[in-house]
Amino acid sequence: MKIQTWKEFAKNDLTHSWAHYLMTIHELHEKQGYARLSDVANKLKISKGSLSTSLKPLLKKKLILEDENKHLSLSKSGEEYATQIKHTDLIFQNFLTKVLNISEDKAEIDACKIEHLISPETSTRLLQMLKAIESNPKILTELEKEMKKHSKCSLNGCKKCAKLCNCIN
């Protein structure tokens, strides 16, 4: 790993919270046709004051728009971000449950942690892999067989594991 790679995290356009604000406004618009500050705060279980403060950067970036009635909506750019995040979330959830056999609850949590951090390129390649597996289930069967060969590998014993099964070069 390059020593400066970790700094890439700071270059993300959206924070985890901002991603959830955009997605919540998007979901509320789909469900009820509008989104007020109180609706977003209630759905996210945070105070209206905290949310109001937190939305200021998104309003400044023009990802969120507010009309004269204080209804919130997403700009075209905000809508694109929300859609991309939602798709990436679903792609990761599918990957975690269908390929790695992670429980749906854990997959939902882990996908949420990742959804806004990865590049569209990585998300697209993961989607392509899932589609390849879907169109040829033998791939998944073979992958599962290979993974069983390494069933003793874990993060808890990386050095020992690497020596035992040569799973780390």
C-alpha atoms as a PDB file:
ATOM      1  CA  MET A   1       0.000   0.000   0.000  1.00  0.00           C
ATOM      2  CA  LYS A   2       1.300   3.410  -0.898  1.00  0.00           C
ATOM      3  CA  ILE A   3       1.851   5.532   2.179  1.00  0.00           C
ATOM      4  CA  GLN A   4      -0.431   8.317   0.878  1.00  0.00           C
ATOM      5  CA  THR A   5      -3.340   6.071  -0.139  1.00  0.00           C
ATOM      6  CA  TRP A   6      -5.215   6.738   3.093  1.00  0.00           C
ATOM      7  CA  LYS A   7      -5.422  10.427   2.145  1.00  0.00           C
ATOM      8  CA  GLU A   8      -7.741   9.505  -0.721  1.00  0.00           C
ATOM      9  CA  PHE A   9     -10.528   9.128   1.832  1.00  0.00           C
ATOM     10  CA  ALA A  10     -10.496  12.895   2.398  1.00  0.00           C
ATOM     11  CA  LYS A  11     -11.053  13.478  -1.326  1.00  0.00           C
ATOM     12  CA  ASN A  12     -14.543  11.935  -1.278  1.00  0.00           C
ATOM     13  CA  ASP A  13     -17.236  14.336  -2.364  1.00  0.00           C
ATOM     14  CA  LEU A  14     -19.644  13.095   0.287  1.00  0.00           C
ATOM     15  CA  THR A  15     -19.417  12.104   3.907  1.00  0.00           C
ATOM     16  CA  HIS A  16     -21.315   9.089   5.191  1.00  0.00           C
ATOM     17  CA  SER A  17     -23.948  11.366   6.752  1.00  0.00           C
ATOM     18  CA  TRP A  18     -24.336  13.471   3.607  1.00  0.00           C
ATOM     19  CA  ALA A  19     -24.939  10.317   1.584  1.00  0.00           C
ATOM     20  CA  HIS A  20     -27.746   9.358   3.963  1.00  0.00           C
ATOM     21  CA  TYR A  21     -29.294  12.825   3.785  1.00  0.00           C
ATOM     22  CA  LEU A  22     -29.384  12.676  -0.010  1.00  0.00           C
ATOM     23  CA  MET A  23     -30.785   9.147  -0.058  1.00  0.00           C
ATOM     24  CA  THR A  24     -33.415   9.983   2.553  1.00  0.00           C
ATOM     25  CA  ILE A  25     -34.637  13.046   0.660  1.00  0.00           C
ATOM     26  CA  HIS A  26     -34.737  10.919  -2.491  1.00  0.00           C
ATOM     27  CA  GLU A  27     -36.710   8.146  -0.747  1.00  0.00           C
ATOM     28  CA  LEU A  28     -39.178  10.598   0.807  1.00  0.00           C
ATOM     29  CA  HIS A  29     -39.825  12.185  -2.591  1.00  0.00           C
ATOM     30  CA  GLU A  30     -40.477   8.766  -4.095  1.00  0.00           C
ATOM     31  CA  LYS A  31     -42.765   7.736  -1.237  1.00  0.00           C
ATOM     32  CA  GLN A  32     -44.731  10.901  -0.460  1.00  0.00           C
ATOM     33  CA  GLY A  33     -43.837  13.398  -3.186  1.00  0.00           C
ATOM     34  CA  TYR A  34     -42.065  15.871  -0.898  1.00  0.00           C
ATOM     35  CA  ALA A  35     -39.504  16.084   1.884  1.00  0.00           C
ATOM     36  CA  ARG A  36     -39.479  18.547   4.746  1.00  0.00           C
ATOM     37  CA  LEU A  37     -36.678  19.012   7.233  1.00  0.00           C
ATOM     38  CA  SER A  38     -38.853  17.388   9.907  1.00  0.00           C
ATOM     39  CA  ASP A  39     -39.547  14.365   7.661  1.00  0.00           C
ATOM     40  CA  VAL A  40     -35.835  13.809   7.042  1.00  0.00           C
ATOM     41  CA  ALA A  41     -34.962  14.309  10.724  1.00  0.00           C
ATOM     42  CA  ASN A  42     -37.689  11.878  11.832  1.00  0.00           C
ATOM     43  CA  LYS A  43     -36.642   9.217   9.341  1.00  0.00           C
ATOM     44  CA  LEU A  44     -32.989   9.489  10.378  1.00  0.00           C
ATOM     45  CA  LYS A  45     -33.846   9.825  14.085  1.00  0.00           C
ATOM     46  CA  ILE A  46     -31.857  13.038  14.568  1.00  0.00           C
ATOM     47  CA  SER A  47     -32.895  16.483  15.748  1.00  0.00           C
ATOM     48  CA  LYS A  48     -34.141  19.085  13.279  1.00  0.00           C
ATOM     49  CA  GLY A  49     -31.517  21.513  14.570  1.00  0.00           C
ATOM     50  CA  SER A  50     -28.679  19.082  13.968  1.00  0.00           C
ATOM     51  CA  LEU A  51     -29.996  18.230  10.519  1.00  0.00           C
ATOM     52  CA  SER A  52     -30.468  21.881   9.600  1.00  0.00           C
ATOM     53  CA  THR A  53     -26.829  22.593  10.438  1.00  0.00           C
ATOM     54  CA  SER A  54     -25.656  19.464   8.637  1.00  0.00           C
ATOM     55  CA  LEU A  55     -27.549  20.284   5.431  1.00  0.00           C
ATOM     56  CA  LYS A  56     -25.899  23.692   4.967  1.00  0.00           C
ATOM     57  CA  PRO A  57     -22.867  22.350   3.065  1.00  0.00           C
ATOM     58  CA  LEU A  58     -25.164  20.318   0.774  1.00  0.00           C
ATOM     59  CA  LEU A  59     -27.274  23.397   0.117  1.00  0.00           C
ATOM     60  CA  LYS A  60     -24.112  25.393  -0.563  1.00  0.00           C
ATOM     61  CA  LYS A  61     -22.889  22.698  -2.985  1.00  0.00           C
ATOM     62  CA  LYS A  62     -26.347  22.862  -4.601  1.00  0.00           C
ATOM     63  CA  LEU A  63     -26.926  19.151  -4.132  1.00  0.00           C
ATOM     64  CA  ILE A  64     -30.046  19.932  -2.090  1.00  0.00           C
ATOM     65  CA  LEU A  65     -32.534  22.651  -2.977  1.00  0.00           C
ATOM     66  CA  GLU A  66     -35.017  24.318  -0.633  1.00  0.00           C
ATOM     67  CA  ASP A  67     -38.146  26.072  -1.907  1.00  0.00           C
ATOM     68  CA  GLU A  68     -40.095  28.966  -0.372  1.00  0.00           C
ATOM     69  CA  ASN A  69     -42.218  26.461   1.607  1.00  0.00           C
ATOM     70  CA  LYS A  70     -39.064  24.910   3.111  1.00  0.00           C
ATOM     71  CA  HIS A  71     -39.535  21.708   1.122  1.00  0.00           C
ATOM     72  CA  LEU A  72     -36.293  19.955   0.267  1.00  0.00           C
ATOM     73  CA  SER A  73     -35.470  18.386  -3.069  1.00  0.00           C
ATOM     74  CA  LEU A  74     -32.384  17.140  -4.821  1.00  0.00           C
ATOM     75  CA  SER A  75     -30.721  18.977  -7.656  1.00  0.00           C
ATOM     76  CA  LYS A  76     -29.797  16.991 -10.734  1.00  0.00           C
ATOM     77  CA  SER A  77     -26.335  16.396  -9.238  1.00  0.00           C
ATOM     78  CA  GLY A  78     -27.836  15.428  -5.879  1.00  0.00           C
ATOM     79  CA  GLU A  79     -30.172  13.003  -7.606  1.00  0.00           C
ATOM     80  CA  GLU A  80     -27.244  11.444  -9.486  1.00  0.00           C
ATOM     81  CA  TYR A  81     -25.302  10.973  -6.242  1.00  0.00           C
ATOM     82  CA  ALA A  82     -28.309   9.462  -4.454  1.00  0.00           C
ATOM     83  CA  THR A  83     -28.993   7.062  -7.313  1.00  0.00           C
ATOM     84  CA  GLN A  84     -25.349   6.018  -7.583  1.00  0.00           C
ATOM     85  CA  ILE A  85     -25.082   5.448  -3.832  1.00  0.00           C
ATOM     86  CA  LYS A  86     -28.276   3.379  -3.764  1.00  0.00           C
ATOM     87  CA  HIS A  87     -27.105   1.245  -6.689  1.00  0.00           C
ATOM     88  CA  THR A  88     -23.689   0.714  -5.120  1.00  0.00           C
ATOM     89  CA  ASP A  89     -25.348  -0.239  -1.840  1.00  0.00           C
ATOM     90  CA  LEU A  90     -27.502  -2.855  -3.583  1.00  0.00           C
ATOM     91  CA  ILE A  91     -24.542  -4.198  -5.573  1.00  0.00           C
ATOM     92  CA  PHE A  92     -22.496  -4.647  -2.396  1.00  0.00           C
ATOM     93  CA  GLN A  93     -25.371  -6.222  -0.507  1.00  0.00           C
ATOM     94  CA  ASN A  94     -25.816  -8.726  -3.328  1.00  0.00           C
ATOM     95  CA  PHE A  95     -22.105  -9.460  -3.469  1.00  0.00           C
ATOM     96  CA  LEU A  96     -21.868  -9.981   0.273  1.00  0.00           C
ATOM     97  CA  THR A  97     -24.942 -12.214   0.524  1.00  0.00           C
ATOM     98  CA  LYS A  98     -24.753 -14.171  -2.731  1.00  0.00           C
ATOM     99  CA  VAL A  99     -21.008 -14.543  -3.215  1.00  0.00           C
ATOM    100  CA  LEU A 100     -19.546 -14.330   0.283  1.00  0.00           C
ATOM    101  CA  ASN A 101     -22.551 -15.863   2.061  1.00  0.00           C
ATOM    102  CA  ILE A 102     -22.766 -13.058   4.627  1.00  0.00           C
ATOM    103  CA  SER A 103     -26.069 -12.713   6.504  1.00  0.00           C
ATOM    104  CA  GLU A 104     -28.484 -10.136   5.100  1.00  0.00           C
ATOM    105  CA  ASP A 105     -28.324  -8.046   8.276  1.00  0.00           C
ATOM    106  CA  LYS A 106     -24.518  -7.926   8.291  1.00  0.00           C
ATOM    107  CA  ALA A 107     -24.433  -7.326   4.528  1.00  0.00           C
ATOM    108  CA  GLU A 108     -26.775  -4.359   4.882  1.00  0.00           C
ATOM    109  CA  ILE A 109     -24.573  -2.820   7.573  1.00  0.00           C
ATOM    110  CA  ASP A 110     -21.311  -3.448   5.709  1.00  0.00           C
ATOM    111  CA  ALA A 111     -22.703  -2.223   2.389  1.00  0.00           C
ATOM    112  CA  CYS A 112     -23.837   0.960   4.121  1.00  0.00           C
ATOM    113  CA  LYS A 113     -20.301   1.508   5.394  1.00  0.00           C
ATOM    114  CA  ILE A 114     -18.852   1.130   1.881  1.00  0.00           C
ATOM    115  CA  GLU A 115     -21.516   2.501  -0.483  1.00  0.00           C
ATOM    116  CA  HIS A 116     -20.288   6.085  -0.795  1.00  0.00           C
ATOM    117  CA  LEU A 117     -16.561   5.434  -0.497  1.00  0.00           C
ATOM    118  CA  ILE A 118     -15.713   3.389  -3.567  1.00  0.00           C
ATOM    119  CA  SER A 119     -15.286   4.596  -7.104  1.00  0.00           C
ATOM    120  CA  PRO A 120     -17.937   4.099  -9.767  1.00  0.00           C
ATOM    121  CA  GLU A 121     -15.347   1.993 -11.618  1.00  0.00           C
ATOM    122  CA  THR A 122     -15.062  -0.481  -8.737  1.00  0.00           C
ATOM    123  CA  SER A 123     -18.817  -0.614  -8.283  1.00  0.00           C
ATOM    124  CA  THR A 124     -19.306  -1.231 -12.006  1.00  0.00           C
ATOM    125  CA  ARG A 125     -16.745  -4.050 -12.074  1.00  0.00           C
ATOM    126  CA  LEU A 126     -18.399  -5.667  -9.074  1.00  0.00           C
ATOM    127  CA  LEU A 127     -21.753  -5.456 -10.844  1.00  0.00           C
ATOM    128  CA  GLN A 128     -20.224  -7.057 -13.948  1.00  0.00           C
ATOM    129  CA  MET A 129     -18.848  -9.874 -11.819  1.00  0.00           C
ATOM    130  CA  LEU A 130     -22.244 -10.446 -10.200  1.00  0.00           C
ATOM    131  CA  LYS A 131     -23.905 -10.548 -13.623  1.00  0.00           C
ATOM    132  CA  ALA A 132     -21.284 -13.045 -14.842  1.00  0.00           C
ATOM    133  CA  ILE A 133     -21.973 -15.267 -11.830  1.00  0.00           C
ATOM    134  CA  GLU A 134     -25.714 -14.924 -12.352  1.00  0.00           C
ATOM    135  CA  SER A 135     -25.415 -15.961 -15.999  1.00  0.00           C
ATOM    136  CA  ASN A 136     -23.089 -18.881 -15.175  1.00  0.00           C
ATOM    137  CA  PRO A 137     -23.792 -20.359 -11.702  1.00  0.00           C
ATOM    138  CA  LYS A 138     -20.887 -22.796 -12.142  1.00  0.00           C
ATOM    139  CA  ILE A 139     -18.554 -19.868 -11.444  1.00  0.00           C
ATOM    140  CA  LEU A 140     -20.007 -19.474  -7.954  1.00  0.00           C
ATOM    141  CA  THR A 141     -19.885 -23.223  -7.332  1.00  0.00           C
ATOM    142  CA  GLU A 142     -16.190 -23.307  -8.280  1.00  0.00           C
ATOM    143  CA  LEU A 143     -15.469 -20.215  -6.200  1.00  0.00           C
ATOM    144  CA  GLU A 144     -17.154 -21.770  -3.169  1.00  0.00           C
ATOM    145  CA  LYS A 145     -15.035 -24.920  -3.604  1.00  0.00           C
ATOM    146  CA  GLU A 146     -11.863 -22.862  -3.751  1.00  0.00           C
ATOM    147  CA  MET A 147     -12.883 -20.781  -0.741  1.00  0.00           C
ATOM    148  CA  LYS A 148     -13.459 -23.956   1.310  1.00  0.00           C
ATOM    149  CA  LYS A 149      -9.804 -24.846   0.742  1.00  0.00           C
ATOM    150  CA  HIS A 150      -8.964 -21.674   2.661  1.00  0.00           C
ATOM    151  CA  SER A 151     -11.613 -21.960   5.366  1.00  0.00           C
ATOM    152  CA  LYS A 152      -9.048 -21.628   8.144  1.00  0.00           C
ATOM    153  CA  CYS A 153      -7.776 -18.289   6.850  1.00  0.00           C
ATOM    154  CA  SER A 154      -8.807 -15.277   8.915  1.00  0.00           C
ATOM    155  CA  LEU A 155      -7.748 -11.776   9.813  1.00  0.00           C
ATOM    156  CA  ASN A 156      -7.028 -12.913  13.347  1.00  0.00           C
ATOM    157  CA  GLY A 157      -4.087 -15.007  12.282  1.00  0.00           C
ATOM    158  CA  CYS A 158      -2.773 -13.433   9.102  1.00  0.00           C
ATOM    159  CA  LYS A 159       0.911 -14.308   9.524  1.00  0.00           C
ATOM    160  CA  LYS A 160       0.195 -17.812  10.711  1.00  0.00           C
ATOM    161  CA  CYS A 161      -2.479 -18.244   8.048  1.00  0.00           C
ATOM    162  CA  ALA A 162      -0.140 -17.052   5.313  1.00  0.00           C
ATOM    163  CA  LYS A 163       2.399 -19.681   6.277  1.00  0.00           C
ATOM    164  CA  LEU A 164      -0.198 -22.448   6.578  1.00  0.00           C
ATOM    165  CA  CYS A 165      -2.107 -22.021   3.355  1.00  0.00           C
ATOM    166  CA  ASN A 166      -0.088 -19.573   1.262  1.00  0.00           C
ATOM    167  CA  CYS A 167      -3.099 -17.309   0.878  1.00  0.00           C
ATOM    168  CA  ILE A 168      -0.995 -14.165   1.290  1.00  0.00           C
ATOM    169  CA  ASN A 169       2.080 -13.566  -0.811  1.00  0.00           C
END
